[in-house]
């Protein structure tokens, strides 16, 4: 099974379980993103999104609910993901190398070293 099929299968399974446990979980999710929406965001970012993420967006384009629907975390739509990416990009550019290093001193991941500062 390729990664795209496993992502689609895992997400479909997750949504099915949540529908059974919480009832109508899928009503907290947006419908699929259009390929043109994804391509437009990729053009604006100047990079291609990982194929697994694109496959997920082709199933559901984020959440409709105001609170995080995936273990309390927000499932951002393509548009919201781009906005968040732009905010971080602007912060990184405004801080420069020295500011980014200073900000990075407060960052950590679990397990350690999985996310670059």
PDB file of N, CA and C in Angstrom:
ATOM      1  N   UNK A   1       0.848  -1.176   0.000  1.00  0.00           N
ATOM      2  CA  UNK A   1       0.000   0.000   0.000  1.00  0.00           C
ATOM      3  C   UNK A   1       0.893   1.238   0.000  1.00  0.00           C
ATOM      4  N   UNK A   2       0.610   2.202  -0.885  1.00  0.00           N
ATOM      5  CA  UNK A   2       1.420   3.420  -0.895  1.00  0.00           C
ATOM      6  C   UNK A   2       0.971   4.361   0.218  1.00  0.00           C
ATOM      7  N   UNK A   3       1.788   5.403   0.482  1.00  0.00           N
ATOM      8  CA  UNK A   3       1.493   6.327   1.574  1.00  0.00           C
ATOM      9  C   UNK A   3       0.154   7.023   1.393  1.00  0.00           C
ATOM     10  N   UNK A   4      -0.160   7.434   0.155  1.00  0.00           N
ATOM     11  CA  UNK A   4      -1.425   8.129  -0.069  1.00  0.00           C
ATOM     12  C   UNK A   4      -2.604   7.246   0.292  1.00  0.00           C
ATOM     13  N   UNK A   5      -2.548   5.972  -0.109  1.00  0.00           N
ATOM     14  CA  UNK A   5      -3.638   5.067   0.215  1.00  0.00           C
ATOM     15  C   UNK A   5      -3.713   4.848   1.716  1.00  0.00           C
ATOM     16  N   UNK A   6      -2.579   4.771   2.394  1.00  0.00           N
ATOM     17  CA  UNK A   6      -2.615   4.549   3.832  1.00  0.00           C
ATOM     18  C   UNK A   6      -3.126   5.786   4.562  1.00  0.00           C
ATOM     19  N   UNK A   7      -2.802   6.980   4.087  1.00  0.00           N
ATOM     20  CA  UNK A   7      -3.318   8.208   4.690  1.00  0.00           C
ATOM     21  C   UNK A   7      -4.830   8.266   4.504  1.00  0.00           C
ATOM     22  N   UNK A   8      -5.294   8.006   3.300  1.00  0.00           N
ATOM     23  CA  UNK A   8      -6.731   8.023   3.023  1.00  0.00           C
ATOM     24  C   UNK A   8      -7.454   6.978   3.866  1.00  0.00           C
ATOM     25  N   UNK A   9      -6.890   5.786   3.951  1.00  0.00           N
ATOM     26  CA  UNK A   9      -7.516   4.719   4.737  1.00  0.00           C
ATOM     27  C   UNK A   9      -7.527   5.065   6.222  1.00  0.00           C
ATOM     28  N   UNK A  10      -6.420   5.602   6.724  1.00  0.00           N
ATOM     29  CA  UNK A  10      -6.344   5.960   8.148  1.00  0.00           C
ATOM     30  C   UNK A  10      -7.341   7.061   8.473  1.00  0.00           C
ATOM     31  N   UNK A  11      -7.413   8.098   7.632  1.00  0.00           N
ATOM     32  CA  UNK A  11      -8.329   9.207   7.883  1.00  0.00           C
ATOM     33  C   UNK A  11      -9.774   8.743   7.812  1.00  0.00           C
ATOM     34  N   UNK A  12     -10.101   7.958   6.796  1.00  0.00           N
ATOM     35  CA  UNK A  12     -11.465   7.445   6.638  1.00  0.00           C
ATOM     36  C   UNK A  12     -11.849   6.590   7.842  1.00  0.00           C
ATOM     37  N   UNK A  13     -10.913   5.776   8.304  1.00  0.00           N
ATOM     38  CA  UNK A  13     -11.154   4.953   9.490  1.00  0.00           C
ATOM     39  C   UNK A  13     -11.362   5.822  10.730  1.00  0.00           C
ATOM     40  N   UNK A  14     -10.513   6.843  10.909  1.00  0.00           N
ATOM     41  CA  UNK A  14     -10.626   7.751  12.045  1.00  0.00           C
ATOM     42  C   UNK A  14     -11.986   8.438  12.049  1.00  0.00           C
ATOM     43  N   UNK A  15     -12.398   8.981  10.910  1.00  0.00           N
ATOM     44  CA  UNK A  15     -13.685   9.667  10.813  1.00  0.00           C
ATOM     45  C   UNK A  15     -14.821   8.691  11.117  1.00  0.00           C
ATOM     46  N   UNK A  16     -14.717   7.461  10.617  1.00  0.00           N
ATOM     47  CA  UNK A  16     -15.744   6.449  10.892  1.00  0.00           C
ATOM     48  C   UNK A  16     -15.855   6.132  12.375  1.00  0.00           C
ATOM     49  N   UNK A  17     -14.735   5.948  13.032  1.00  0.00           N
ATOM     50  CA  UNK A  17     -14.738   5.667  14.469  1.00  0.00           C
ATOM     51  C   UNK A  17     -15.319   6.849  15.240  1.00  0.00           C
ATOM     52  N   UNK A  18     -14.904   8.065  14.875  1.00  0.00           N
ATOM     53  CA  UNK A  18     -15.412   9.248  15.562  1.00  0.00           C
ATOM     54  C   UNK A  18     -16.918   9.421  15.329  1.00  0.00           C
ATOM     55  N   UNK A  19     -17.400   9.077  14.138  1.00  0.00           N
ATOM     56  CA  UNK A  19     -18.838   9.134  13.883  1.00  0.00           C
ATOM     57  C   UNK A  19     -19.583   8.169  14.794  1.00  0.00           C
ATOM     58  N   UNK A  20     -19.030   6.972  14.980  1.00  0.00           N
ATOM     59  CA  UNK A  20     -19.677   5.982  15.855  1.00  0.00           C
ATOM     60  C   UNK A  20     -19.619   6.406  17.320  1.00  0.00           C
ATOM     61  N   UNK A  21     -18.480   6.946  17.739  1.00  0.00           N
ATOM     62  CA  UNK A  21     -18.288   7.316  19.152  1.00  0.00           C
ATOM     63  C   UNK A  21     -18.972   8.637  19.509  1.00  0.00           C
ATOM     64  N   UNK A  22     -18.806   9.647  18.652  1.00  0.00           N
ATOM     65  CA  UNK A  22     -19.287  10.993  18.973  1.00  0.00           C
ATOM     66  C   UNK A  22     -20.560  11.368  18.213  1.00  0.00           C
ATOM     67  N   UNK A  23     -20.889  10.603  17.208  1.00  0.00           N
ATOM     68  CA  UNK A  23     -22.072  10.897  16.405  1.00  0.00           C
ATOM     69  C   UNK A  23     -21.886  12.098  15.497  1.00  0.00           C
ATOM     70  N   UNK A  24     -22.033  11.896  14.216  1.00  0.00           N
ATOM     71  CA  UNK A  24     -21.962  12.954  13.205  1.00  0.00           C
ATOM     72  C   UNK A  24     -20.694  13.798  13.276  1.00  0.00           C
ATOM     73  N   UNK A  25     -19.565  13.158  13.556  1.00  0.00           N
ATOM     74  CA  UNK A  25     -18.281  13.849  13.575  1.00  0.00           C
ATOM     75  C   UNK A  25     -17.997  14.481  12.227  1.00  0.00           C
ATOM     76  N   UNK A  26     -18.393  13.815  11.156  1.00  0.00           N
ATOM     77  CA  UNK A  26     -18.094  14.329   9.820  1.00  0.00           C
ATOM     78  C   UNK A  26     -18.747  15.685   9.554  1.00  0.00           C
ATOM     79  N   UNK A  27     -19.773  16.062  10.322  1.00  0.00           N
ATOM     80  CA  UNK A  27     -20.370  17.392  10.129  1.00  0.00           C
ATOM     81  C   UNK A  27     -19.457  18.490  10.685  1.00  0.00           C
ATOM     82  N   UNK A  28     -18.403  18.112  11.421  1.00  0.00           N
ATOM     83  CA  UNK A  28     -17.410  19.079  11.918  1.00  0.00           C
ATOM     84  C   UNK A  28     -16.302  19.310  10.898  1.00  0.00           C
ATOM     85  N   UNK A  29     -16.399  18.661   9.749  1.00  0.00           N
ATOM     86  CA  UNK A  29     -15.350  18.729   8.732  1.00  0.00           C
ATOM     87  C   UNK A  29     -15.868  19.396   7.463  1.00  0.00           C
ATOM     88  N   UNK A  30     -14.991  20.164   6.834  1.00  0.00           N
ATOM     89  CA  UNK A  30     -15.311  20.733   5.522  1.00  0.00           C
ATOM     90  C   UNK A  30     -15.276  19.633   4.475  1.00  0.00           C
ATOM     91  N   UNK A  31     -15.908  19.894   3.364  1.00  0.00           N
ATOM     92  CA  UNK A  31     -15.826  18.977   2.231  1.00  0.00           C
ATOM     93  C   UNK A  31     -14.423  19.009   1.645  1.00  0.00           C
ATOM     94  N   UNK A  32     -14.203  18.276   0.584  1.00  0.00           N
ATOM     95  CA  UNK A  32     -12.865  18.202  -0.010  1.00  0.00           C
ATOM     96  C   UNK A  32     -12.401  19.528  -0.603  1.00  0.00           C
ATOM     97  N   UNK A  33     -11.098  19.731  -0.577  1.00  0.00           N
ATOM     98  CA  UNK A  33     -10.491  20.873  -1.266  1.00  0.00           C
ATOM     99  C   UNK A  33     -10.446  20.569  -2.754  1.00  0.00           C
ATOM    100  N   UNK A  34     -10.561  21.592  -3.545  1.00  0.00           N
ATOM    101  CA  UNK A  34     -10.425  21.428  -4.989  1.00  0.00           C
ATOM    102  C   UNK A  34      -8.941  21.395  -5.345  1.00  0.00           C
ATOM    103  N   UNK A  35      -8.561  20.597  -6.333  1.00  0.00           N
ATOM    104  CA  UNK A  35      -7.157  20.569  -6.751  1.00  0.00           C
ATOM    105  C   UNK A  35      -6.628  21.964  -7.081  1.00  0.00           C
ATOM    106  N   UNK A  36      -7.498  22.826  -7.642  1.00  0.00           N
ATOM    107  CA  UNK A  36      -7.082  24.186  -7.983  1.00  0.00           C
ATOM    108  C   UNK A  36      -6.738  24.996  -6.733  1.00  0.00           C
ATOM    109  N   UNK A  37      -7.468  24.773  -5.631  1.00  0.00           N
ATOM    110  CA  UNK A  37      -7.177  25.474  -4.375  1.00  0.00           C
ATOM    111  C   UNK A  37      -5.792  25.095  -3.862  1.00  0.00           C
ATOM    112  N   UNK A  38      -5.513  23.812  -3.902  1.00  0.00           N
ATOM    113  CA  UNK A  38      -4.214  23.317  -3.435  1.00  0.00           C
ATOM    114  C   UNK A  38      -3.103  23.862  -4.319  1.00  0.00           C
ATOM    115  N   UNK A  39      -3.289  23.797  -5.635  1.00  0.00           N
ATOM    116  CA  UNK A  39      -2.276  24.291  -6.576  1.00  0.00           C
ATOM    117  C   UNK A  39      -2.040  25.787  -6.388  1.00  0.00           C
ATOM    118  N   UNK A  40      -3.097  26.545  -6.123  1.00  0.00           N
ATOM    119  CA  UNK A  40      -2.962  27.988  -5.914  1.00  0.00           C
ATOM    120  C   UNK A  40      -2.121  28.287  -4.674  1.00  0.00           C
ATOM    121  N   UNK A  41      -2.379  27.573  -3.588  1.00  0.00           N
ATOM    122  CA  UNK A  41      -1.612  27.775  -2.356  1.00  0.00           C
ATOM    123  C   UNK A  41      -0.152  27.379  -2.582  1.00  0.00           C
ATOM    124  N   UNK A  42       0.076  26.292  -3.293  1.00  0.00           N
ATOM    125  CA  UNK A  42       1.453  25.871  -3.580  1.00  0.00           C
ATOM    126  C   UNK A  42       2.186  26.940  -4.386  1.00  0.00           C
ATOM    127  N   UNK A  43       1.500  27.553  -5.355  1.00  0.00           N
ATOM    128  CA  UNK A  43       2.110  28.630  -6.137  1.00  0.00           C
ATOM    129  C   UNK A  43       2.462  29.811  -5.236  1.00  0.00           C
ATOM    130  N   UNK A  44       1.542  30.183  -4.361  1.00  0.00           N
ATOM    131  CA  UNK A  44       1.787  31.316  -3.464  1.00  0.00           C
ATOM    132  C   UNK A  44       2.932  31.036  -2.491  1.00  0.00           C
ATOM    133  N   UNK A  45       3.055  29.790  -2.050  1.00  0.00           N
ATOM    134  CA  UNK A  45       4.115  29.422  -1.119  1.00  0.00           C
ATOM    135  C   UNK A  45       5.448  29.202  -1.835  1.00  0.00           C
ATOM    136  N   UNK A  46       5.370  28.899  -3.118  1.00  0.00           N
ATOM    137  CA  UNK A  46       6.583  28.602  -3.856  1.00  0.00           C
ATOM    138  C   UNK A  46       7.143  27.227  -3.547  1.00  0.00           C
ATOM    139  N   UNK A  47       6.273  26.322  -3.108  1.00  0.00           N
ATOM    140  CA  UNK A  47       6.694  24.950  -2.804  1.00  0.00           C
ATOM    141  C   UNK A  47       5.492  24.026  -2.911  1.00  0.00           C
ATOM    142  N   UNK A  48       5.785  22.760  -3.087  1.00  0.00           N
ATOM    143  CA  UNK A  48       4.738  21.754  -3.186  1.00  0.00           C
ATOM    144  C   UNK A  48       4.457  21.176  -1.807  1.00  0.00           C
ATOM    145  N   UNK A  49       3.172  21.004  -1.486  1.00  0.00           N
ATOM    146  CA  UNK A  49       2.797  20.355  -0.234  1.00  0.00           C
ATOM    147  C   UNK A  49       3.102  18.867  -0.325  1.00  0.00           C
ATOM    148  N   UNK A  50       3.389  18.213   0.789  1.00  0.00           N
ATOM    149  CA  UNK A  50       3.609  16.756   0.756  1.00  0.00           C
ATOM    150  C   UNK A  50       2.382  16.045   0.187  1.00  0.00           C
ATOM    151  N   UNK A  51       2.617  14.988  -0.566  1.00  0.00           N
ATOM    152  CA  UNK A  51       1.512  14.279  -1.216  1.00  0.00           C
ATOM    153  C   UNK A  51       0.497  13.756  -0.207  1.00  0.00           C
ATOM    154  N   UNK A  52       0.951  13.336   0.982  1.00  0.00           N
ATOM    155  CA  UNK A  52       0.038  12.846   2.006  1.00  0.00           C
ATOM    156  C   UNK A  52      -0.915  13.948   2.471  1.00  0.00           C
ATOM    157  N   UNK A  53      -0.401  15.166   2.600  1.00  0.00           N
ATOM    158  CA  UNK A  53      -1.232  16.289   3.030  1.00  0.00           C
ATOM    159  C   UNK A  53      -2.242  16.641   1.945  1.00  0.00           C
ATOM    160  N   UNK A  54      -1.802  16.620   0.692  1.00  0.00           N
ATOM    161  CA  UNK A  54      -2.731  16.899  -0.409  1.00  0.00           C
ATOM    162  C   UNK A  54      -3.841  15.849  -0.454  1.00  0.00           C
ATOM    163  N   UNK A  55      -3.478  14.592  -0.225  1.00  0.00           N
ATOM    164  CA  UNK A  55      -4.472  13.520  -0.220  1.00  0.00           C
ATOM    165  C   UNK A  55      -5.488  13.735   0.904  1.00  0.00           C
ATOM    166  N   UNK A  56      -5.016  14.154   2.063  1.00  0.00           N
ATOM    167  CA  UNK A  56      -5.911  14.441   3.182  1.00  0.00           C
ATOM    168  C   UNK A  56      -6.860  15.584   2.833  1.00  0.00           C
ATOM    169  N   UNK A  57      -6.317  16.648   2.221  1.00  0.00           N
ATOM    170  CA  UNK A  57      -7.152  17.774   1.828  1.00  0.00           C
ATOM    171  C   UNK A  57      -8.162  17.402   0.749  1.00  0.00           C
ATOM    172  N   UNK A  58      -7.851  16.411  -0.057  1.00  0.00           N
ATOM    173  CA  UNK A  58      -8.795  15.972  -1.078  1.00  0.00           C
ATOM    174  C   UNK A  58      -9.958  15.195  -0.449  1.00  0.00           C
ATOM    175  N   UNK A  59      -9.801  14.792   0.819  1.00  0.00           N
ATOM    176  CA  UNK A  59     -10.890  14.156   1.556  1.00  0.00           C
ATOM    177  C   UNK A  59     -11.685  15.189   2.353  1.00  0.00           C
ATOM    178  N   UNK A  60     -10.974  16.015   3.098  1.00  0.00           N
ATOM    179  CA  UNK A  60     -11.597  17.083   3.891  1.00  0.00           C
ATOM    180  C   UNK A  60     -10.664  18.278   3.943  1.00  0.00           C
ATOM    181  N   UNK A  61     -11.223  19.445   3.686  1.00  0.00           N
ATOM    182  CA  UNK A  61     -10.443  20.686   3.683  1.00  0.00           C
ATOM    183  C   UNK A  61     -10.569  21.370   5.045  1.00  0.00           C
ATOM    184  N   UNK A  62     -10.061  20.708   6.066  1.00  0.00           N
ATOM    185  CA  UNK A  62     -10.083  21.283   7.400  1.00  0.00           C
ATOM    186  C   UNK A  62     -11.396  21.058   8.118  1.00  0.00           C
ATOM    187  N   UNK A  63     -11.566  21.808   9.191  1.00  0.00           N
ATOM    188  CA  UNK A  63     -12.718  21.636  10.073  1.00  0.00           C
ATOM    189  C   UNK A  63     -13.675  22.811   9.985  1.00  0.00           C
ATOM    190  N   UNK A  64     -14.932  22.562  10.360  1.00  0.00           N
ATOM    191  CA  UNK A  64     -15.933  23.612  10.457  1.00  0.00           C
ATOM    192  C   UNK A  64     -16.096  24.061  11.900  1.00  0.00           C
ATOM    193  N   UNK A  65     -15.699  23.236  12.820  1.00  0.00           N
ATOM    194  CA  UNK A  65     -15.883  23.471  14.251  1.00  0.00           C
ATOM    195  C   UNK A  65     -14.849  24.471  14.755  1.00  0.00           C
ATOM    196  N   UNK A  66     -15.203  25.293  15.751  1.00  0.00           N
ATOM    197  CA  UNK A  66     -14.259  26.294  16.233  1.00  0.00           C
ATOM    198  C   UNK A  66     -13.194  25.714  17.146  1.00  0.00           C
ATOM    199  N   UNK A  67     -13.408  24.527  17.700  1.00  0.00           N
ATOM    200  CA  UNK A  67     -12.412  23.894  18.566  1.00  0.00           C
ATOM    201  C   UNK A  67     -11.743  22.760  17.818  1.00  0.00           C
ATOM    202  N   UNK A  68     -10.491  22.467  18.173  1.00  0.00           N
ATOM    203  CA  UNK A  68      -9.739  21.420  17.499  1.00  0.00           C
ATOM    204  C   UNK A  68     -10.477  20.096  17.481  1.00  0.00           C
ATOM    205  N   UNK A  69     -10.639  19.526  16.312  1.00  0.00           N
ATOM    206  CA  UNK A  69     -11.420  18.295  16.178  1.00  0.00           C
ATOM    207  C   UNK A  69     -10.558  17.037  16.147  1.00  0.00           C
ATOM    208  N   UNK A  70      -9.253  17.190  16.044  1.00  0.00           N
ATOM    209  CA  UNK A  70      -8.369  16.026  15.998  1.00  0.00           C
ATOM    210  C   UNK A  70      -7.529  16.041  17.271  1.00  0.00           C
ATOM    211  N   UNK A  71      -7.996  15.308  18.258  1.00  0.00           N
ATOM    212  CA  UNK A  71      -7.324  15.252  19.557  1.00  0.00           C
ATOM    213  C   UNK A  71      -7.098  16.653  20.127  1.00  0.00           C
ATOM    214  N   UNK A  72      -8.059  17.538  19.929  1.00  0.00           N
ATOM    215  CA  UNK A  72      -7.970  18.902  20.440  1.00  0.00           C
ATOM    216  C   UNK A  72      -7.153  19.855  19.585  1.00  0.00           C
ATOM    217  N   UNK A  73      -6.580  19.367  18.507  1.00  0.00           N
ATOM    218  CA  UNK A  73      -5.781  20.205  17.615  1.00  0.00           C
ATOM    219  C   UNK A  73      -6.632  20.654  16.429  1.00  0.00           C
ATOM    220  N   UNK A  74      -6.381  21.873  15.963  1.00  0.00           N
ATOM    221  CA  UNK A  74      -7.106  22.385  14.805  1.00  0.00           C
ATOM    222  C   UNK A  74      -6.659  21.673  13.534  1.00  0.00           C
ATOM    223  N   UNK A  75      -7.623  21.311  12.721  1.00  0.00           N
ATOM    224  CA  UNK A  75      -7.370  20.772  11.387  1.00  0.00           C
ATOM    225  C   UNK A  75      -7.601  21.940  10.436  1.00  0.00           C
ATOM    226  N   UNK A  76      -6.523  22.635  10.114  1.00  0.00           N
ATOM    227  CA  UNK A  76      -6.601  23.856   9.317  1.00  0.00           C
ATOM    228  C   UNK A  76      -6.974  23.556   7.873  1.00  0.00           C
ATOM    229  N   UNK A  77      -7.786  24.414   7.300  1.00  0.00           N
ATOM    230  CA  UNK A  77      -8.092  24.319   5.871  1.00  0.00           C
ATOM    231  C   UNK A  77      -6.848  24.736   5.088  1.00  0.00           C
ATOM    232  N   UNK A  78      -6.871  24.508   3.800  1.00  0.00           N
ATOM    233  CA  UNK A  78      -5.752  24.915   2.938  1.00  0.00           C
ATOM    234  C   UNK A  78      -5.501  26.417   3.090  1.00  0.00           C
ATOM    235  N   UNK A  79      -6.570  27.200   3.091  1.00  0.00           N
ATOM    236  CA  UNK A  79      -6.436  28.647   3.197  1.00  0.00           C
ATOM    237  C   UNK A  79      -5.875  29.062   4.556  1.00  0.00           C
ATOM    238  N   UNK A  80      -6.384  28.429   5.635  1.00  0.00           N
ATOM    239  CA  UNK A  80      -5.893  28.758   6.975  1.00  0.00           C
ATOM    240  C   UNK A  80      -4.442  28.318   7.150  1.00  0.00           C
ATOM    241  N   UNK A  81      -4.086  27.181   6.559  1.00  0.00           N
ATOM    242  CA  UNK A  81      -2.701  26.710   6.628  1.00  0.00           C
ATOM    243  C   UNK A  81      -1.784  27.727   5.947  1.00  0.00           C
ATOM    244  N   UNK A  82      -2.202  28.249   4.802  1.00  0.00           N
ATOM    245  CA  UNK A  82      -1.393  29.244   4.103  1.00  0.00           C
ATOM    246  C   UNK A  82      -1.246  30.509   4.945  1.00  0.00           C
ATOM    247  N   UNK A  83      -2.350  30.952   5.563  1.00  0.00           N
ATOM    248  CA  UNK A  83      -2.290  32.139   6.431  1.00  0.00           C
ATOM    249  C   UNK A  83      -1.307  31.923   7.578  1.00  0.00           C
ATOM    250  N   UNK A  84      -1.387  30.766   8.221  1.00  0.00           N
ATOM    251  CA  UNK A  84      -0.491  30.461   9.344  1.00  0.00           C
ATOM    252  C   UNK A  84       0.954  30.399   8.868  1.00  0.00           C
ATOM    253  N   UNK A  85       1.179  29.772   7.707  1.00  0.00           N
ATOM    254  CA  UNK A  85       2.524  29.676   7.132  1.00  0.00           C
ATOM    255  C   UNK A  85       3.059  31.082   6.851  1.00  0.00           C
ATOM    256  N   UNK A  86       2.209  31.949   6.294  1.00  0.00           N
ATOM    257  CA  UNK A  86       2.621  33.320   5.977  1.00  0.00           C
ATOM    258  C   UNK A  86       3.001  34.094   7.230  1.00  0.00           C
ATOM    259  N   UNK A  87       2.237  33.907   8.303  1.00  0.00           N
ATOM    260  CA  UNK A  87       2.546  34.583   9.570  1.00  0.00           C
ATOM    261  C   UNK A  87       3.914  34.145  10.100  1.00  0.00           C
ATOM    262  N   UNK A  88       4.173  32.845  10.062  1.00  0.00           N
ATOM    263  CA  UNK A  88       5.471  32.350  10.535  1.00  0.00           C
ATOM    264  C   UNK A  88       6.602  32.820   9.634  1.00  0.00           C
ATOM    265  N   UNK A  89       6.367  32.817   8.330  1.00  0.00           N
ATOM    266  CA  UNK A  89       7.376  33.276   7.375  1.00  0.00           C
ATOM    267  C   UNK A  89       7.720  34.739   7.647  1.00  0.00           C
ATOM    268  N   UNK A  90       6.698  35.558   7.863  1.00  0.00           N
ATOM    269  CA  UNK A  90       6.913  36.980   8.150  1.00  0.00           C
ATOM    270  C   UNK A  90       7.702  37.152   9.456  1.00  0.00           C
ATOM    271  N   UNK A  91       7.359  36.383  10.480  1.00  0.00           N
ATOM    272  CA  UNK A  91       8.073  36.470  11.750  1.00  0.00           C
ATOM    273  C   UNK A  91       9.538  36.085  11.582  1.00  0.00           C
ATOM    274  N   UNK A  92       9.785  34.997  10.890  1.00  0.00           N
ATOM    275  CA  UNK A  92      11.164  34.535  10.672  1.00  0.00           C
ATOM    276  C   UNK A  92      11.958  35.585   9.907  1.00  0.00           C
ATOM    277  N   UNK A  93      11.363  36.147   8.859  1.00  0.00           N
ATOM    278  CA  UNK A  93      12.057  37.167   8.074  1.00  0.00           C
ATOM    279  C   UNK A  93      12.297  38.440   8.890  1.00  0.00           C
ATOM    280  N   UNK A  94      11.338  38.823   9.727  1.00  0.00           N
ATOM    281  CA  UNK A  94      11.501  40.054  10.513  1.00  0.00           C
ATOM    282  C   UNK A  94      12.527  39.884  11.629  1.00  0.00           C
ATOM    283  N   UNK A  95      12.693  38.685  12.136  1.00  0.00           N
ATOM    284  CA  UNK A  95      13.639  38.432  13.227  1.00  0.00           C
ATOM    285  C   UNK A  95      15.074  38.276  12.724  1.00  0.00           C
ATOM    286  N   UNK A  96      15.227  37.866  11.483  1.00  0.00           N
ATOM    287  CA  UNK A  96      16.565  37.627  10.951  1.00  0.00           C
ATOM    288  C   UNK A  96      17.196  36.395  11.600  1.00  0.00           C
ATOM    289  N   UNK A  97      18.446  36.107  11.213  1.00  0.00           N
ATOM    290  CA  UNK A  97      19.116  34.907  11.712  1.00  0.00           C
ATOM    291  C   UNK A  97      19.307  34.929  13.224  1.00  0.00           C
ATOM    292  N   UNK A  98      19.772  36.059  13.753  1.00  0.00           N
ATOM    293  CA  UNK A  98      20.037  36.148  15.195  1.00  0.00           C
ATOM    294  C   UNK A  98      18.747  36.012  16.003  1.00  0.00           C
ATOM    295  N   UNK A  99      17.705  36.718  15.590  1.00  0.00           N
ATOM    296  CA  UNK A  99      16.423  36.632  16.291  1.00  0.00           C
ATOM    297  C   UNK A  99      15.836  35.241  16.226  1.00  0.00           C
ATOM    298  N   UNK A 100      15.972  34.596  15.066  1.00  0.00           N
ATOM    299  CA  UNK A 100      15.462  33.233  14.915  1.00  0.00           C
ATOM    300  C   UNK A 100      16.204  32.268  15.837  1.00  0.00           C
ATOM    301  N   UNK A 101      17.528  32.443  15.949  1.00  0.00           N
ATOM    302  CA  UNK A 101      18.308  31.598  16.864  1.00  0.00           C
ATOM    303  C   UNK A 101      17.845  31.799  18.301  1.00  0.00           C
ATOM    304  N   UNK A 102      17.624  33.055  18.671  1.00  0.00           N
ATOM    305  CA  UNK A 102      17.156  33.337  20.039  1.00  0.00           C
ATOM    306  C   UNK A 102      15.784  32.713  20.285  1.00  0.00           C
ATOM    307  N   UNK A 103      14.879  32.870  19.337  1.00  0.00           N
ATOM    308  CA  UNK A 103      13.563  32.255  19.479  1.00  0.00           C
ATOM    309  C   UNK A 103      13.679  30.733  19.553  1.00  0.00           C
ATOM    310  N   UNK A 104      14.586  30.175  18.767  1.00  0.00           N
ATOM    311  CA  UNK A 104      14.784  28.730  18.736  1.00  0.00           C
ATOM    312  C   UNK A 104      15.270  28.149  20.044  1.00  0.00           C
ATOM    313  N   UNK A 105      15.914  28.969  20.869  1.00  0.00           N
ATOM    314  CA  UNK A 105      16.400  28.490  22.160  1.00  0.00           C
ATOM    315  C   UNK A 105      15.262  28.032  23.064  1.00  0.00           C
ATOM    316  N   UNK A 106      14.068  28.553  22.849  1.00  0.00           N
ATOM    317  CA  UNK A 106      12.926  28.198  23.680  1.00  0.00           C
ATOM    318  C   UNK A 106      12.114  27.040  23.099  1.00  0.00           C
ATOM    319  N   UNK A 107      12.520  26.544  21.940  1.00  0.00           N
ATOM    320  CA  UNK A 107      11.783  25.488  21.267  1.00  0.00           C
ATOM    321  C   UNK A 107      12.365  24.128  21.592  1.00  0.00           C
ATOM    322  N   UNK A 108      11.487  23.165  21.735  1.00  0.00           N
ATOM    323  CA  UNK A 108      11.932  21.797  21.922  1.00  0.00           C
ATOM    324  C   UNK A 108      10.874  20.866  21.354  1.00  0.00           C
ATOM    325  N   UNK A 109      11.275  19.671  21.083  1.00  0.00           N
ATOM    326  CA  UNK A 109      10.340  18.683  20.568  1.00  0.00           C
ATOM    327  C   UNK A 109      10.422  17.434  21.433  1.00  0.00           C
ATOM    328  N   UNK A 110       9.406  16.622  21.312  1.00  0.00           N
ATOM    329  CA  UNK A 110       9.415  15.323  22.001  1.00  0.00           C
ATOM    330  C   UNK A 110       9.079  14.279  20.966  1.00  0.00           C
ATOM    331  N   UNK A 111       9.974  13.355  20.723  1.00  0.00           N
ATOM    332  CA  UNK A 111      11.310  13.207  21.298  1.00  0.00           C
ATOM    333  C   UNK A 111      12.242  14.317  20.813  1.00  0.00           C
ATOM    334  N   UNK A 112      13.257  14.550  21.602  1.00  0.00           N
ATOM    335  CA  UNK A 112      14.207  15.627  21.335  1.00  0.00           C
ATOM    336  C   UNK A 112      14.861  15.464  19.962  1.00  0.00           C
ATOM    337  N   UNK A 113      15.031  16.593  19.269  1.00  0.00           N
ATOM    338  CA  UNK A 113      15.735  16.593  17.990  1.00  0.00           C
ATOM    339  C   UNK A 113      14.891  16.240  16.785  1.00  0.00           C
ATOM    340  N   UNK A 114      13.612  15.951  16.963  1.00  0.00           N
ATOM    341  CA  UNK A 114      12.764  15.575  15.835  1.00  0.00           C
ATOM    342  C   UNK A 114      12.417  16.786  14.972  1.00  0.00           C
ATOM    343  N   UNK A 115      12.253  17.954  15.605  1.00  0.00           N
ATOM    344  CA  UNK A 115      11.924  19.183  14.882  1.00  0.00           C
ATOM    345  C   UNK A 115      13.138  20.098  14.936  1.00  0.00           C
ATOM    346  N   UNK A 116      13.524  20.612  13.768  1.00  0.00           N
ATOM    347  CA  UNK A 116      14.652  21.540  13.712  1.00  0.00           C
ATOM    348  C   UNK A 116      14.297  22.840  14.408  1.00  0.00           C
ATOM    349  N   UNK A 117      15.246  23.419  15.148  1.00  0.00           N
ATOM    350  CA  UNK A 117      14.979  24.746  15.768  1.00  0.00           C
ATOM    351  C   UNK A 117      14.741  25.797  14.679  1.00  0.00           C
TER     352      UNK A 117
END
